[in-house]
């Protein structure tokens, strides 16, 4: 049995506004990350598979309204929610993904069912929801996914007629009306990472005690995105990838750039074809290749020896890892 079993998670990357950071908000994020890591750690300690561990971790991240996946997903331009998720088993290269679902409570569980019970890899929209329903998965009404903070974020973006990606949202976020203005009538908790400049995706990678690895990624997309837009999250090789021979990767960032770079697979490919370490491959993708096309964000990755890396080229990324028998480590800033 492998003694290097480990799980790592992320909850999005982006720009930090230190002026609007509160100690209580920071504590909330650390506590949420710690709880999810502890749950994934227990799965591995009990002999569960890497696939089980990443499924459970991402399910819990979807259930936490602090993150843009599941409950707490951002709004589309039509004022609706569209969610995507993917999961991949490094021991078999089997994968499952769903995109543009509106009522599946836990998109990652639907992706897992696609992996296990379908000859296909990716289902979209109504077809994805019909498949999830046939598997007996839990559905939720649109109100379940709503949070006041995400709704206000959408209203800001809608008023500016733009989707909230980093530099698009930067000028708006820098205005007094988008930041706190010193008044006490705005109940929005100030996030350590500015929500208007945050790439909201959640993900997990794990190595189990049998030496197998897996990856999972889930998202609510981009604030005020056009209905039907799909980013990198549900695309195998872009937002999610796992192969025991190389590594498991989950990404978060400007989805279109990660798609164009096939970023998750590129880490694995560099390990296979350049014969470089996990750390070197991941850093090259995040720090060298993605910035050439203005790709911002980060990734988490693990290999079959238990090496982990969590690089990002933004000011911060909600992240953490937990090895068996050790206290989980969480972080937000560089």
Protein backbone atom coordinates (compact mmCIF):
# COMPACT_ATOMS: atom_id res chain seq x y z
CA UNK A 1 0.00 0.00 0.00
CA UNK A 2 1.17 3.51 -0.85
CA UNK A 3 2.21 5.56 2.18
CA UNK A 4 2.26 8.80 0.17
CA UNK A 5 -1.51 9.10 -0.21
CA UNK A 6 -2.49 12.76 -0.51
CA UNK A 7 -5.31 15.02 -1.61
CA UNK A 8 -5.09 18.61 -2.87
CA UNK A 9 -7.92 21.03 -3.64
CA UNK A 10 -8.48 24.49 -5.09
CA UNK A 11 -11.39 26.90 -4.90
CA UNK A 12 -10.55 29.48 -7.56
CA UNK A 13 -7.78 31.96 -8.34
CA UNK A 14 -7.71 35.71 -8.86
CA UNK A 15 -6.83 39.20 -7.70
CA UNK A 16 -6.59 40.04 -4.02
CA UNK A 17 -7.89 43.36 -2.72
CA UNK A 18 -6.15 43.54 0.63
CA UNK A 19 -8.03 46.72 1.50
CA UNK A 20 -11.31 44.86 1.42
CA UNK A 21 -10.10 41.72 3.21
CA UNK A 22 -11.63 40.97 6.57
CA UNK A 23 -10.15 38.59 9.10
CA UNK A 24 -13.48 36.80 9.45
CA UNK A 25 -13.78 36.23 5.69
CA UNK A 26 -10.26 34.87 5.53
CA UNK A 27 -11.00 32.57 8.46
CA UNK A 28 -14.17 31.32 6.76
CA UNK A 29 -12.25 30.32 3.64
CA UNK A 30 -9.52 28.58 5.59
CA UNK A 31 -12.11 26.71 7.64
CA UNK A 32 -14.02 25.61 4.53
CA UNK A 33 -10.86 24.40 2.79
CA UNK A 34 -9.72 22.59 5.96
CA UNK A 35 -13.06 20.81 6.33
CA UNK A 36 -13.05 19.62 2.72
CA UNK A 37 -9.45 18.42 2.94
CA UNK A 38 -10.21 16.56 6.17
CA UNK A 39 -13.14 14.78 4.52
CA UNK A 40 -11.00 13.76 1.54
CA UNK A 41 -8.24 12.66 3.89
CA UNK A 42 -10.69 10.38 5.73
CA UNK A 43 -11.76 8.75 2.45
CA UNK A 44 -8.12 7.93 1.66
CA UNK A 45 -7.36 6.79 5.22
CA UNK A 46 -10.29 4.38 5.08
CA UNK A 47 -8.86 2.81 1.93
CA UNK A 48 -11.08 4.69 -0.50
CA UNK A 49 -9.96 5.27 -4.07
CA UNK A 50 -8.53 8.49 -5.41
CA UNK A 51 -11.72 8.74 -7.48
CA UNK A 52 -13.81 8.51 -4.30
CA UNK A 53 -11.68 11.16 -2.58
CA UNK A 54 -11.88 13.75 -5.36
CA UNK A 55 -15.62 13.08 -5.79
CA UNK A 56 -16.28 13.75 -2.12
CA UNK A 57 -14.03 16.81 -1.97
CA UNK A 58 -15.61 18.47 -5.00
CA UNK A 59 -19.13 17.56 -3.82
CA UNK A 60 -18.44 19.40 -0.57
CA UNK A 61 -16.98 22.38 -2.44
CA UNK A 62 -20.14 22.46 -4.57
CA UNK A 63 -22.25 22.50 -1.42
CA UNK A 64 -20.30 25.42 0.08
CA UNK A 65 -21.73 28.81 -1.03
CA UNK A 66 -18.29 30.47 -0.73
CA UNK A 67 -17.21 28.92 -4.03
CA UNK A 68 -18.45 29.25 -7.62
CA UNK A 69 -19.74 25.71 -8.14
CA UNK A 70 -23.07 24.16 -7.22
CA UNK A 71 -24.67 26.32 -4.52
CA UNK A 72 -23.12 29.74 -4.94
CA UNK A 73 -22.69 29.40 -8.72
CA UNK A 74 -22.54 32.68 -10.62
CA UNK A 75 -25.29 34.02 -12.88
CA UNK A 76 -25.44 33.94 -16.68
CA UNK A 77 -26.51 36.95 -18.76
CA UNK A 78 -30.06 35.57 -18.61
CA UNK A 79 -30.03 35.50 -14.81
CA UNK A 80 -29.81 31.70 -14.70
CA UNK A 81 -27.21 29.19 -13.53
CA UNK A 82 -25.30 26.84 -15.85
CA UNK A 83 -22.88 24.42 -14.26
CA UNK A 84 -20.13 22.17 -15.62
CA UNK A 85 -18.07 19.35 -14.11
CA UNK A 86 -15.62 16.63 -15.07
CA UNK A 87 -13.84 13.72 -13.41
CA UNK A 88 -11.11 11.33 -14.60
CA UNK A 89 -9.65 8.08 -13.25
CA UNK A 90 -5.89 7.86 -13.78
CA UNK A 91 -5.82 4.08 -13.43
CA UNK A 92 -8.13 3.44 -16.42
CA UNK A 93 -8.21 6.79 -18.28
CA UNK A 94 -12.00 6.63 -17.97
CA UNK A 95 -13.65 10.05 -17.74
CA UNK A 96 -17.07 11.62 -17.37
CA UNK A 97 -18.28 15.18 -17.80
CA UNK A 98 -21.44 17.27 -17.97
CA UNK A 99 -21.99 20.88 -18.96
CA UNK A 100 -24.72 23.54 -18.96
CA UNK A 101 -26.88 21.83 -16.34
CA UNK A 102 -29.27 24.04 -14.40
CA UNK A 103 -30.90 21.80 -11.81
CA UNK A 104 -28.44 19.05 -10.88
CA UNK A 105 -27.59 19.69 -7.22
CA UNK A 106 -24.09 18.19 -7.47
CA UNK A 107 -22.73 18.30 -11.03
CA UNK A 108 -19.63 16.30 -10.03
CA UNK A 109 -21.81 13.34 -9.05
CA UNK A 110 -23.43 13.45 -12.49
CA UNK A 111 -19.99 13.48 -14.12
CA UNK A 112 -19.04 10.46 -12.00
CA UNK A 113 -22.13 8.59 -13.21
CA UNK A 114 -21.19 9.37 -16.81
CA UNK A 115 -17.78 7.85 -16.15
CA UNK A 116 -19.23 4.74 -14.55
CA UNK A 117 -22.44 4.08 -16.45
CA UNK A 118 -22.17 5.53 -19.95
CA UNK A 119 -20.21 4.71 -23.06
CA UNK A 120 -19.94 8.47 -23.62
CA UNK A 121 -17.69 11.03 -21.93
CA UNK A 122 -19.59 14.33 -22.14
CA UNK A 123 -23.30 15.19 -21.92
CA UNK A 124 -24.70 18.71 -22.29
CA UNK A 125 -27.80 20.64 -21.22
CA UNK A 126 -31.11 18.79 -21.28
CA UNK A 127 -29.42 15.54 -22.24
CA UNK A 128 -27.11 15.79 -19.24
CA UNK A 129 -30.04 16.47 -16.92
CA UNK A 130 -32.03 13.57 -18.37
CA UNK A 131 -29.05 11.28 -17.83
CA UNK A 132 -28.63 12.52 -14.25
CA UNK A 133 -32.33 11.99 -13.55
CA UNK A 134 -32.15 8.45 -14.93
CA UNK A 135 -29.31 7.76 -12.48
CA UNK A 136 -31.46 8.92 -9.56
CA UNK A 137 -29.35 11.96 -8.72
CA UNK A 138 -30.74 14.79 -6.61
CA UNK A 139 -32.09 17.88 -8.35
CA UNK A 140 -32.64 21.36 -6.91
CA UNK A 141 -34.72 24.37 -7.86
CA UNK A 142 -32.91 27.50 -9.16
CA UNK A 143 -33.38 29.18 -5.77
CA UNK A 144 -31.07 26.62 -4.17
CA UNK A 145 -28.07 27.85 -6.18
CA UNK A 146 -28.76 31.55 -5.46
CA UNK A 147 -26.69 33.61 -3.05
CA UNK A 148 -27.08 37.34 -2.47
CA UNK A 149 -23.38 38.01 -3.08
CA UNK A 150 -23.44 36.28 -6.49
CA UNK A 151 -26.65 38.06 -7.46
CA UNK A 152 -25.18 41.49 -6.66
CA UNK A 153 -22.04 40.54 -8.55
CA UNK A 154 -24.18 39.71 -11.59
CA UNK A 155 -26.09 43.01 -11.37
CA UNK A 156 -22.78 44.90 -11.43
CA UNK A 157 -21.59 42.96 -14.48
CA UNK A 158 -24.94 43.27 -16.27
CA UNK A 159 -24.97 47.04 -15.79
CA UNK A 160 -21.55 47.18 -17.46
CA UNK A 161 -22.62 44.83 -20.29
CA UNK A 162 -19.64 42.56 -19.77
CA UNK A 163 -18.64 39.14 -18.55
CA UNK A 164 -16.53 39.31 -15.43
CA UNK A 165 -13.08 38.10 -16.34
CA UNK A 166 -9.96 39.58 -14.83
CA UNK A 167 -9.02 42.73 -16.74
CA UNK A 168 -12.59 43.24 -17.95
CA UNK A 169 -13.70 43.49 -14.34
CA UNK A 170 -10.65 45.33 -13.10
CA UNK A 171 -11.78 48.86 -13.92
CA UNK A 172 -15.20 48.24 -12.46
CA UNK A 173 -13.85 46.61 -9.34
CA UNK A 174 -11.50 49.53 -8.81
CA UNK A 175 -14.33 52.05 -8.65
CA UNK A 176 -15.62 53.14 -5.26
CA UNK A 177 -19.06 51.73 -5.98
CA UNK A 178 -17.67 48.27 -6.63
CA UNK A 179 -15.51 48.28 -3.55
CA UNK A 180 -16.77 49.16 -0.11
CA UNK A 181 -17.51 52.84 0.20
CA UNK A 182 -17.32 53.06 3.94
CA UNK A 183 -21.08 52.88 4.41
CA UNK A 184 -22.75 50.18 6.48
CA UNK A 185 -25.66 49.41 4.16
CA UNK A 186 -23.86 46.79 2.05
CA UNK A 187 -24.04 43.40 3.78
CA UNK A 188 -21.77 41.72 1.22
CA UNK A 189 -18.88 39.97 2.97
CA UNK A 190 -15.61 41.16 1.51
CA UNK A 191 -13.78 38.21 0.03
CA UNK A 192 -9.99 37.94 0.28
CA UNK A 193 -10.01 37.46 -3.49
CA UNK A 194 -12.06 40.11 -5.28
CA UNK A 195 -15.11 38.24 -6.67
CA UNK A 196 -15.15 40.43 -9.78
CA UNK A 197 -11.60 39.37 -10.59
CA UNK A 198 -11.78 35.75 -9.44
CA UNK A 199 -11.80 32.73 -11.70
CA UNK A 200 -14.36 30.61 -9.94
CA UNK A 201 -13.76 26.92 -10.29
CA UNK A 202 -13.26 24.19 -7.70
CA UNK A 203 -11.24 21.05 -8.06
CA UNK A 204 -9.40 18.18 -6.41
CA UNK A 205 -6.61 15.75 -7.22
CA UNK A 206 -5.63 12.73 -5.16
CA UNK A 207 -3.28 9.76 -4.85
CA UNK A 208 -4.72 6.77 -3.01
CA UNK A 209 -3.05 4.02 -0.99
CA UNK A 210 -3.08 1.70 -4.01
CA UNK A 211 -0.96 4.14 -6.00
CA UNK A 212 -3.72 5.39 -8.30
CA UNK A 213 -4.54 9.03 -9.02
CA UNK A 214 -7.66 10.95 -10.06
CA UNK A 215 -8.82 14.50 -10.77
CA UNK A 216 -12.15 16.34 -10.61
CA UNK A 217 -13.21 19.90 -11.51
CA UNK A 218 -16.52 21.78 -11.20
CA UNK A 219 -17.70 25.34 -11.91
CA UNK A 220 -20.61 27.71 -12.20
CA UNK A 221 -18.87 29.44 -15.12
CA UNK A 222 -18.24 33.15 -15.58
CA UNK A 223 -20.47 35.92 -14.25
CA UNK A 224 -22.79 37.32 -16.95
CA UNK A 225 -21.56 34.81 -19.53
CA UNK A 226 -23.63 34.19 -22.63
CA UNK A 227 -26.04 31.31 -22.18
CA UNK A 228 -24.50 28.14 -23.55
CA UNK A 229 -20.87 29.23 -23.11
CA UNK A 230 -18.69 26.36 -21.93
CA UNK A 231 -15.20 26.85 -20.54
CA UNK A 232 -12.35 24.47 -19.83
CA UNK A 233 -13.81 22.74 -16.77
CA UNK A 234 -15.73 19.88 -18.45
CA UNK A 235 -13.22 19.39 -21.26
CA UNK A 236 -10.90 16.45 -20.61
CA UNK A 237 -7.33 17.66 -21.09
CA UNK A 238 -8.17 21.32 -20.62
CA UNK A 239 -9.66 21.65 -17.14
CA UNK A 240 -9.24 18.09 -15.89
CA UNK A 241 -6.88 15.21 -16.64
CA UNK A 242 -5.49 12.11 -14.90
CA UNK A 243 -3.13 9.33 -15.94
CA UNK A 244 -1.27 7.12 -13.44
CA UNK A 245 1.74 7.20 -15.78
CA UNK A 246 2.15 10.96 -15.34
CA UNK A 247 -0.15 13.05 -13.15
CA UNK A 248 -3.63 14.23 -12.20
CA UNK A 249 -4.48 17.91 -12.83
CA UNK A 250 -7.38 20.26 -12.04
CA UNK A 251 -7.23 23.83 -13.34
CA UNK A 252 -8.81 27.18 -12.55
CA UNK A 253 -8.50 30.33 -14.62
CA UNK A 254 -9.47 32.09 -17.82
CA UNK A 255 -11.15 29.08 -19.40
CA UNK A 256 -10.73 29.98 -23.03
CA UNK A 257 -6.96 30.25 -22.60
CA UNK A 258 -6.74 26.95 -20.75
CA UNK A 259 -8.74 25.36 -23.58
CA UNK A 260 -6.44 26.79 -26.25
CA UNK A 261 -3.39 25.48 -24.39
CA UNK A 262 -5.01 22.14 -23.45
CA UNK A 263 -3.41 23.08 -20.15
CA UNK A 264 -4.14 20.06 -17.97
CA UNK A 265 -2.92 17.58 -20.58
CA UNK A 266 0.11 19.72 -21.34
CA UNK A 267 1.42 19.11 -17.82
CA UNK A 268 1.12 15.34 -18.33
CA UNK A 269 2.55 15.53 -21.85
CA UNK A 270 5.62 17.45 -20.72
CA UNK A 271 6.27 14.83 -18.06
CA UNK A 272 5.91 12.03 -20.62
CA UNK A 273 7.74 13.55 -23.58
CA UNK A 274 10.25 15.93 -21.99
CA UNK A 275 10.85 13.62 -19.01
CA UNK A 276 10.61 16.53 -16.56
CA UNK A 277 9.28 16.52 -13.00
CA UNK A 278 5.69 17.35 -12.07
CA UNK A 279 6.85 20.64 -10.58
CA UNK A 280 8.77 21.70 -13.69
CA UNK A 281 5.97 20.74 -16.08
CA UNK A 282 3.27 22.52 -14.10
CA UNK A 283 5.33 25.67 -13.62
CA UNK A 284 6.12 25.84 -17.33
CA UNK A 285 2.43 25.67 -18.24
CA UNK A 286 1.27 28.21 -15.64
CA UNK A 287 4.20 30.63 -15.57
CA UNK A 288 5.48 30.49 -19.16
CA UNK A 289 3.01 29.11 -21.67
CA UNK A 290 -0.34 30.47 -20.44
CA UNK A 291 0.85 34.09 -19.92
CA UNK A 292 1.88 34.24 -23.60
CA UNK A 293 -1.83 34.34 -24.48
CA UNK A 294 -2.88 36.28 -21.36
CA UNK A 295 -3.95 33.11 -19.60
CA UNK A 296 -4.43 33.76 -15.88
CA UNK A 297 -5.12 31.30 -13.11
CA UNK A 298 -3.53 28.19 -11.70
CA UNK A 299 -3.74 24.46 -11.22
CA UNK A 300 -3.22 21.70 -8.72
CA UNK A 301 -1.51 18.44 -9.61
CA UNK A 302 -0.26 15.19 -8.07
CA UNK A 303 1.79 12.31 -9.46
CA UNK A 304 1.85 8.62 -8.54
CA UNK A 305 4.82 9.14 -6.20
CA UNK A 306 2.90 11.61 -4.08
CA UNK A 307 4.55 14.79 -5.34
CA UNK A 308 2.15 17.73 -5.42
CA UNK A 309 2.30 21.22 -6.89
CA UNK A 310 -0.13 24.14 -6.74
CA UNK A 311 1.22 26.92 -9.01
CA UNK A 312 -0.73 30.04 -10.01
CA UNK A 313 0.11 33.27 -11.83
CA UNK A 314 -2.54 35.44 -10.13
CA UNK A 315 -2.25 37.19 -6.78
CA UNK A 316 -3.99 34.37 -4.98
CA UNK A 317 -5.62 30.95 -5.21
CA UNK A 318 -7.77 29.23 -2.60
CA UNK A 319 -5.90 25.97 -2.11
CA UNK A 320 -4.68 23.29 0.25
CA UNK A 321 -3.45 19.73 0.62
CA UNK A 322 -3.53 16.95 3.17
CA UNK A 323 -1.31 13.89 3.52
CA UNK A 324 -2.36 10.90 5.57
CA UNK A 325 -1.67 11.39 9.26
CA UNK A 326 -0.82 15.07 8.86
CA UNK A 327 -2.74 18.28 9.55
CA UNK A 328 -4.24 19.78 6.37
CA UNK A 329 -2.43 22.84 4.99
CA UNK A 330 -4.50 25.68 3.50
CA UNK A 331 -3.49 28.94 1.79
CA UNK A 332 -4.92 31.88 -0.15
CA UNK A 333 -2.05 34.22 -1.04
CA UNK A 334 1.35 33.69 -2.66
